[in-house]
Amino acid sequence: MDFFESAYRGRPPWDIGRPQKEFVELVRRGEVTGSVLDIGCGTGEHALFFAAEGYDVWGIDATPLAIRKAGEKAAGRGLQVNFLVLNALDLSRLNRKFDTVTDSGLFHTLSDEDRPVFVDNLAAILSPAGKYFMLCFSDLEPAGYGPRRISRSEIQDSFSNGWTINYIRPAVFESSTREKGSHAWFSSISKK
């Protein structure tokens, strides 16, 4: 059984029952604009938060169980979000553009080989003035817990051609199993 499908049979540590604070602060600062795509949306907490704030929102995840749970949450909260089962390496199949794209914990799951494929797909669906906001595990986090760590230079290298990195700053990846969370990077990236 797929790791993520198995994880969503219970409550995975990254599913904290609310959006990560970094994404809440984005809305408060007015950085989220227009239509929103949440990539690797899991059970939908970020997508549902954006919808409750009045945005036109789509959420995609490759795990059918996560998408089913996200749809149930949307129905229970009376919110409209377009949830789809879709691999993040196939974003171009959406055949539409988004002004804001968010990623909470997907980028650090990608292999070195998959990163350029993802970045190309991201370019295909991000509107010309759009922004990609990404929260990923940082290489500052000690080994032994959680997913692969990402360095600042790996983010810079992945988005070096045709992109502008607005910022990469230290952040916290909140978790249901770690009171203080884990070291993370939070990035704002735009197409050139």
C-alpha atoms as a PDB file:
ATOM      1  CA  MET A   1       0.000   0.000   0.000  1.00  0.00           C
ATOM      2  CA  ASP A   2       1.169   3.502  -0.806  1.00  0.00           C
ATOM      3  CA  PHE A   3       2.733   5.352   2.152  1.00  0.00           C
ATOM      4  CA  PHE A   4       0.348   8.312   1.888  1.00  0.00           C
ATOM      5  CA  GLU A   5      -2.771   6.167   1.435  1.00  0.00           C
ATOM      6  CA  SER A   6      -1.751   4.249   4.561  1.00  0.00           C
ATOM      7  CA  ALA A   7      -1.018   7.472   6.474  1.00  0.00           C
ATOM      8  CA  TYR A   8      -4.454   8.908   5.666  1.00  0.00           C
ATOM      9  CA  ARG A   9      -6.179   5.801   7.096  1.00  0.00           C
ATOM     10  CA  GLY A  10      -5.314   7.470  10.406  1.00  0.00           C
ATOM     11  CA  ARG A  11      -4.257  11.047  11.076  1.00  0.00           C
ATOM     12  CA  PRO A  12      -0.786  11.802   9.742  1.00  0.00           C
ATOM     13  CA  PRO A  13       1.435  14.168  11.766  1.00  0.00           C
ATOM     14  CA  TRP A  14       1.180  16.931   9.122  1.00  0.00           C
ATOM     15  CA  ASP A  15      -2.637  16.912   9.294  1.00  0.00           C
ATOM     16  CA  ILE A  16      -2.998  19.306  12.239  1.00  0.00           C
ATOM     17  CA  GLY A  17      -6.721  20.024  11.825  1.00  0.00           C
ATOM     18  CA  ARG A  18      -6.114  23.609  10.663  1.00  0.00           C
ATOM     19  CA  PRO A  19      -3.873  25.419   8.191  1.00  0.00           C
ATOM     20  CA  GLN A  20      -0.195  25.966   8.888  1.00  0.00           C
ATOM     21  CA  LYS A  21       0.267  29.445  10.396  1.00  0.00           C
ATOM     22  CA  GLU A  22       2.512  30.535   7.501  1.00  0.00           C
ATOM     23  CA  PHE A  23      -0.442  30.322   5.100  1.00  0.00           C
ATOM     24  CA  VAL A  24      -2.803  32.115   7.469  1.00  0.00           C
ATOM     25  CA  GLU A  25      -0.280  34.946   7.717  1.00  0.00           C
ATOM     26  CA  LEU A  26      -0.036  35.100   3.905  1.00  0.00           C
ATOM     27  CA  VAL A  27      -3.739  35.913   3.715  1.00  0.00           C
ATOM     28  CA  ARG A  28      -3.481  38.435   6.533  1.00  0.00           C
ATOM     29  CA  ARG A  29      -0.633  40.203   4.705  1.00  0.00           C
ATOM     30  CA  GLY A  30      -2.594  40.243   1.428  1.00  0.00           C
ATOM     31  CA  GLU A  31      -0.102  38.063  -0.445  1.00  0.00           C
ATOM     32  CA  VAL A  32      -2.736  35.564  -1.627  1.00  0.00           C
ATOM     33  CA  THR A  33      -4.509  36.895  -4.711  1.00  0.00           C
ATOM     34  CA  GLY A  34      -7.044  35.666  -7.270  1.00  0.00           C
ATOM     35  CA  SER A  35      -7.609  31.976  -7.866  1.00  0.00           C
ATOM     36  CA  VAL A  36      -5.764  29.504  -5.634  1.00  0.00           C
ATOM     37  CA  LEU A  37      -4.430  25.997  -6.247  1.00  0.00           C
ATOM     38  CA  ASP A  38      -3.273  24.000  -3.219  1.00  0.00           C
ATOM     39  CA  ILE A  39      -0.891  21.287  -4.442  1.00  0.00           C
ATOM     40  CA  GLY A  40      -0.682  18.157  -2.296  1.00  0.00           C
ATOM     41  CA  CYS A  41      -3.702  19.414  -0.373  1.00  0.00           C
ATOM     42  CA  GLY A  42      -4.146  16.314   1.786  1.00  0.00           C
ATOM     43  CA  THR A  43      -7.428  16.507   3.685  1.00  0.00           C
ATOM     44  CA  GLY A  44      -7.869  20.106   2.564  1.00  0.00           C
ATOM     45  CA  GLU A  45      -7.233  22.370   5.556  1.00  0.00           C
ATOM     46  CA  HIS A  46      -5.368  25.015   3.522  1.00  0.00           C
ATOM     47  CA  ALA A  47      -7.790  24.905   0.584  1.00  0.00           C
ATOM     48  CA  LEU A  48     -10.762  25.146   2.950  1.00  0.00           C
ATOM     49  CA  PHE A  49      -9.171  28.076   4.779  1.00  0.00           C
ATOM     50  CA  PHE A  50      -8.686  29.949   1.482  1.00  0.00           C
ATOM     51  CA  ALA A  51     -12.277  29.159   0.445  1.00  0.00           C
ATOM     52  CA  ALA A  52     -13.592  30.472   3.780  1.00  0.00           C
ATOM     53  CA  GLU A  53     -11.644  33.682   3.071  1.00  0.00           C
ATOM     54  CA  GLY A  54     -13.554  34.054  -0.210  1.00  0.00           C
ATOM     55  CA  TYR A  55     -11.065  32.730  -2.764  1.00  0.00           C
ATOM     56  CA  ASP A  56     -11.862  30.498  -5.765  1.00  0.00           C
ATOM     57  CA  VAL A  57      -9.934  27.383  -4.712  1.00  0.00           C
ATOM     58  CA  TRP A  58      -8.835  24.086  -6.174  1.00  0.00           C
ATOM     59  CA  GLY A  59      -7.014  21.378  -4.233  1.00  0.00           C
ATOM     60  CA  ILE A  60      -5.176  18.423  -5.729  1.00  0.00           C
ATOM     61  CA  ASP A  61      -3.583  15.382  -4.151  1.00  0.00           C
ATOM     62  CA  ALA A  62      -2.465  12.036  -5.571  1.00  0.00           C
ATOM     63  CA  THR A  63      -4.056  10.160  -2.659  1.00  0.00           C
ATOM     64  CA  PRO A  64      -7.748   9.350  -3.276  1.00  0.00           C
ATOM     65  CA  LEU A  65      -8.486   8.842   0.444  1.00  0.00           C
ATOM     66  CA  ALA A  66      -7.128  12.311   1.284  1.00  0.00           C
ATOM     67  CA  ILE A  67      -9.291  13.879  -1.448  1.00  0.00           C
ATOM     68  CA  ARG A  68     -12.352  12.006  -0.193  1.00  0.00           C
ATOM     69  CA  LYS A  69     -11.752  13.311   3.341  1.00  0.00           C
ATOM     70  CA  ALA A  70     -11.218  16.846   1.977  1.00  0.00           C
ATOM     71  CA  GLY A  71     -14.540  16.669   0.114  1.00  0.00           C
ATOM     72  CA  GLU A  72     -16.303  15.504   3.270  1.00  0.00           C
ATOM     73  CA  LYS A  73     -14.828  18.420   5.238  1.00  0.00           C
ATOM     74  CA  ALA A  74     -15.921  20.880   2.535  1.00  0.00           C
ATOM     75  CA  ALA A  75     -19.477  19.530   2.594  1.00  0.00           C
ATOM     76  CA  GLY A  76     -19.556  19.622   6.392  1.00  0.00           C
ATOM     77  CA  ARG A  77     -18.367  23.224   6.465  1.00  0.00           C
ATOM     78  CA  GLY A  78     -20.545  24.382   3.570  1.00  0.00           C
ATOM     79  CA  LEU A  79     -17.516  25.462   1.522  1.00  0.00           C
ATOM     80  CA  GLN A  80     -16.949  25.133  -2.222  1.00  0.00           C
ATOM     81  CA  VAL A  81     -13.545  23.793  -3.262  1.00  0.00           C
ATOM     82  CA  ASN A  82     -12.755  21.855  -6.444  1.00  0.00           C
ATOM     83  CA  PHE A  83     -10.894  18.825  -5.065  1.00  0.00           C
ATOM     84  CA  LEU A  84      -9.278  16.474  -7.596  1.00  0.00           C
ATOM     85  CA  VAL A  85      -7.121  13.365  -7.463  1.00  0.00           C
ATOM     86  CA  LEU A  86      -4.091  14.400  -9.500  1.00  0.00           C
ATOM     87  CA  ASN A  87      -0.348  13.861  -9.319  1.00  0.00           C
ATOM     88  CA  ALA A  88       1.641  17.078  -8.877  1.00  0.00           C
ATOM     89  CA  LEU A  89       3.800  16.014 -11.832  1.00  0.00           C
ATOM     90  CA  ASP A  90       0.719  16.270 -14.074  1.00  0.00           C
ATOM     91  CA  LEU A  91      -0.446  19.806 -13.205  1.00  0.00           C
ATOM     92  CA  SER A  92      -0.522  20.818 -16.866  1.00  0.00           C
ATOM     93  CA  ARG A  93      -3.530  18.479 -17.269  1.00  0.00           C
ATOM     94  CA  LEU A  94      -5.607  21.051 -15.350  1.00  0.00           C
ATOM     95  CA  ASN A  95      -5.607  23.239 -18.483  1.00  0.00           C
ATOM     96  CA  ARG A  96      -6.019  26.438 -16.514  1.00  0.00           C
ATOM     97  CA  LYS A  97      -3.981  29.116 -14.752  1.00  0.00           C
ATOM     98  CA  PHE A  98      -3.921  30.096 -11.093  1.00  0.00           C
ATOM     99  CA  ASP A  99      -2.844  33.373  -9.496  1.00  0.00           C
ATOM    100  CA  THR A 100      -1.659  31.771  -6.258  1.00  0.00           C
ATOM    101  CA  VAL A 101      -0.272  28.258  -5.833  1.00  0.00           C
ATOM    102  CA  THR A 102       0.453  26.853  -2.382  1.00  0.00           C
ATOM    103  CA  ASP A 103       2.455  23.828  -1.313  1.00  0.00           C
ATOM    104  CA  SER A 104       2.638  22.715   2.297  1.00  0.00           C
ATOM    105  CA  GLY A 105       4.927  19.712   2.452  1.00  0.00           C
ATOM    106  CA  LEU A 106       4.946  18.445  -1.131  1.00  0.00           C
ATOM    107  CA  PHE A 107       8.246  19.782  -2.489  1.00  0.00           C
ATOM    108  CA  HIS A 108      10.363  17.918   0.068  1.00  0.00           C
ATOM    109  CA  THR A 109       8.806  14.599  -1.049  1.00  0.00           C
ATOM    110  CA  LEU A 110      10.010  15.002  -4.650  1.00  0.00           C
ATOM    111  CA  SER A 111      13.044  13.111  -5.896  1.00  0.00           C
ATOM    112  CA  ASP A 112      15.877  14.961  -7.601  1.00  0.00           C
ATOM    113  CA  GLU A 113      14.583  13.629 -10.926  1.00  0.00           C
ATOM    114  CA  ASP A 114      11.001  14.745 -10.271  1.00  0.00           C
ATOM    115  CA  ARG A 115      11.833  18.309  -9.212  1.00  0.00           C
ATOM    116  CA  PRO A 116      12.383  19.723 -12.736  1.00  0.00           C
ATOM    117  CA  VAL A 117       9.230  17.950 -13.960  1.00  0.00           C
ATOM    118  CA  PHE A 118       7.278  19.541 -11.122  1.00  0.00           C
ATOM    119  CA  VAL A 119       8.774  22.995 -11.774  1.00  0.00           C
ATOM    120  CA  ASP A 120       7.855  22.741 -15.492  1.00  0.00           C
ATOM    121  CA  ASN A 121       4.284  21.735 -14.575  1.00  0.00           C
ATOM    122  CA  LEU A 122       4.096  24.576 -12.070  1.00  0.00           C
ATOM    123  CA  ALA A 123       5.154  27.042 -14.788  1.00  0.00           C
ATOM    124  CA  ALA A 124       2.333  25.739 -17.013  1.00  0.00           C
ATOM    125  CA  ILE A 125      -0.421  26.528 -14.482  1.00  0.00           C
ATOM    126  CA  LEU A 126       0.845  29.684 -12.759  1.00  0.00           C
ATOM    127  CA  SER A 127      -0.469  32.923 -14.252  1.00  0.00           C
ATOM    128  CA  PRO A 128       2.152  35.458 -15.429  1.00  0.00           C
ATOM    129  CA  ALA A 129       1.833  37.603 -12.292  1.00  0.00           C
ATOM    130  CA  GLY A 130       1.185  34.615 -10.035  1.00  0.00           C
ATOM    131  CA  LYS A 131       3.116  33.413  -7.000  1.00  0.00           C
ATOM    132  CA  TYR A 132       4.058  29.999  -5.656  1.00  0.00           C
ATOM    133  CA  PHE A 133       4.298  29.747  -1.857  1.00  0.00           C
ATOM    134  CA  MET A 134       6.067  26.686  -0.496  1.00  0.00           C
ATOM    135  CA  LEU A 135       6.642  25.346   3.028  1.00  0.00           C
ATOM    136  CA  CYS A 136       9.155  22.503   3.204  1.00  0.00           C
ATOM    137  CA  PHE A 137      11.358  20.752   5.753  1.00  0.00           C
ATOM    138  CA  SER A 138      14.693  22.522   6.181  1.00  0.00           C
ATOM    139  CA  ASP A 139      18.176  21.082   6.306  1.00  0.00           C
ATOM    140  CA  LEU A 140      18.442  22.879   9.662  1.00  0.00           C
ATOM    141  CA  GLU A 141      16.190  20.188  11.164  1.00  0.00           C
ATOM    142  CA  PRO A 142      18.283  17.423  12.802  1.00  0.00           C
ATOM    143  CA  ALA A 143      18.043  13.968  11.278  1.00  0.00           C
ATOM    144  CA  GLY A 144      15.798  11.305  12.740  1.00  0.00           C
ATOM    145  CA  TYR A 145      12.289  12.666  12.261  1.00  0.00           C
ATOM    146  CA  GLY A 146      10.199  13.441   9.230  1.00  0.00           C
ATOM    147  CA  PRO A 147      10.886  13.648   5.516  1.00  0.00           C
ATOM    148  CA  ARG A 148      13.867  14.605   3.432  1.00  0.00           C
ATOM    149  CA  ARG A 149      15.474  17.923   4.314  1.00  0.00           C
ATOM    150  CA  ILE A 150      15.828  20.671   1.703  1.00  0.00           C
ATOM    151  CA  SER A 151      18.582  23.269   1.634  1.00  0.00           C
ATOM    152  CA  ARG A 152      18.119  26.892   0.638  1.00  0.00           C
ATOM    153  CA  SER A 153      20.460  26.272  -2.311  1.00  0.00           C
ATOM    154  CA  GLU A 154      18.319  23.347  -3.527  1.00  0.00           C
ATOM    155  CA  ILE A 155      15.306  25.687  -3.682  1.00  0.00           C
ATOM    156  CA  GLN A 156      17.392  28.322  -5.466  1.00  0.00           C
ATOM    157  CA  ASP A 157      18.744  25.761  -7.946  1.00  0.00           C
ATOM    158  CA  SER A 158      15.286  24.337  -8.677  1.00  0.00           C
ATOM    159  CA  PHE A 159      13.920  27.790  -9.496  1.00  0.00           C
ATOM    160  CA  SER A 160      16.997  29.325 -11.149  1.00  0.00           C
ATOM    161  CA  ASN A 161      15.720  29.368 -14.735  1.00  0.00           C
ATOM    162  CA  GLY A 162      12.717  31.572 -15.528  1.00  0.00           C
ATOM    163  CA  TRP A 163      11.779  32.298 -11.911  1.00  0.00           C
ATOM    164  CA  THR A 164      12.256  35.061  -9.374  1.00  0.00           C
ATOM    165  CA  ILE A 165      12.707  34.055  -5.743  1.00  0.00           C
ATOM    166  CA  ASN A 166      11.002  36.785  -3.726  1.00  0.00           C
ATOM    167  CA  TYR A 167      12.142  35.301  -0.429  1.00  0.00           C
ATOM    168  CA  ILE A 168      13.223  32.131   1.317  1.00  0.00           C
ATOM    169  CA  ARG A 169      13.016  32.484   5.063  1.00  0.00           C
ATOM    170  CA  PRO A 170      13.199  30.218   8.107  1.00  0.00           C
ATOM    171  CA  ALA A 171       9.829  28.980   9.336  1.00  0.00           C
ATOM    172  CA  VAL A 172       8.232  26.240  11.427  1.00  0.00           C
ATOM    173  CA  PHE A 173       6.477  23.209   9.998  1.00  0.00           C
ATOM    174  CA  GLU A 174       3.775  22.510  12.573  1.00  0.00           C
ATOM    175  CA  SER A 175       2.985  18.907  13.477  1.00  0.00           C
ATOM    176  CA  SER A 176       0.550  17.015  15.661  1.00  0.00           C
ATOM    177  CA  THR A 177       3.438  14.978  17.085  1.00  0.00           C
ATOM    178  CA  ARG A 178       6.001  17.725  17.806  1.00  0.00           C
ATOM    179  CA  GLU A 179       4.970  20.542  20.114  1.00  0.00           C
ATOM    180  CA  LYS A 180       7.474  23.036  18.703  1.00  0.00           C
ATOM    181  CA  GLY A 181       7.237  21.772  15.114  1.00  0.00           C
ATOM    182  CA  SER A 182      10.211  21.334  12.812  1.00  0.00           C
ATOM    183  CA  HIS A 183      12.633  23.673  11.053  1.00  0.00           C
ATOM    184  CA  ALA A 184      11.324  24.648   7.637  1.00  0.00           C
ATOM    185  CA  TRP A 185      11.829  27.045   4.760  1.00  0.00           C
ATOM    186  CA  PHE A 186       9.003  29.237   3.566  1.00  0.00           C
ATOM    187  CA  SER A 187       9.416  30.560   0.035  1.00  0.00           C
ATOM    188  CA  SER A 188       7.668  33.003  -2.277  1.00  0.00           C
ATOM    189  CA  ILE A 189       8.541  32.407  -5.928  1.00  0.00           C
ATOM    190  CA  SER A 190       7.246  34.116  -9.112  1.00  0.00           C
ATOM    191  CA  LYS A 191       7.625  33.403 -12.815  1.00  0.00           C
ATOM    192  CA  LYS A 192       9.823  35.900 -14.687  1.00  0.00           C
END
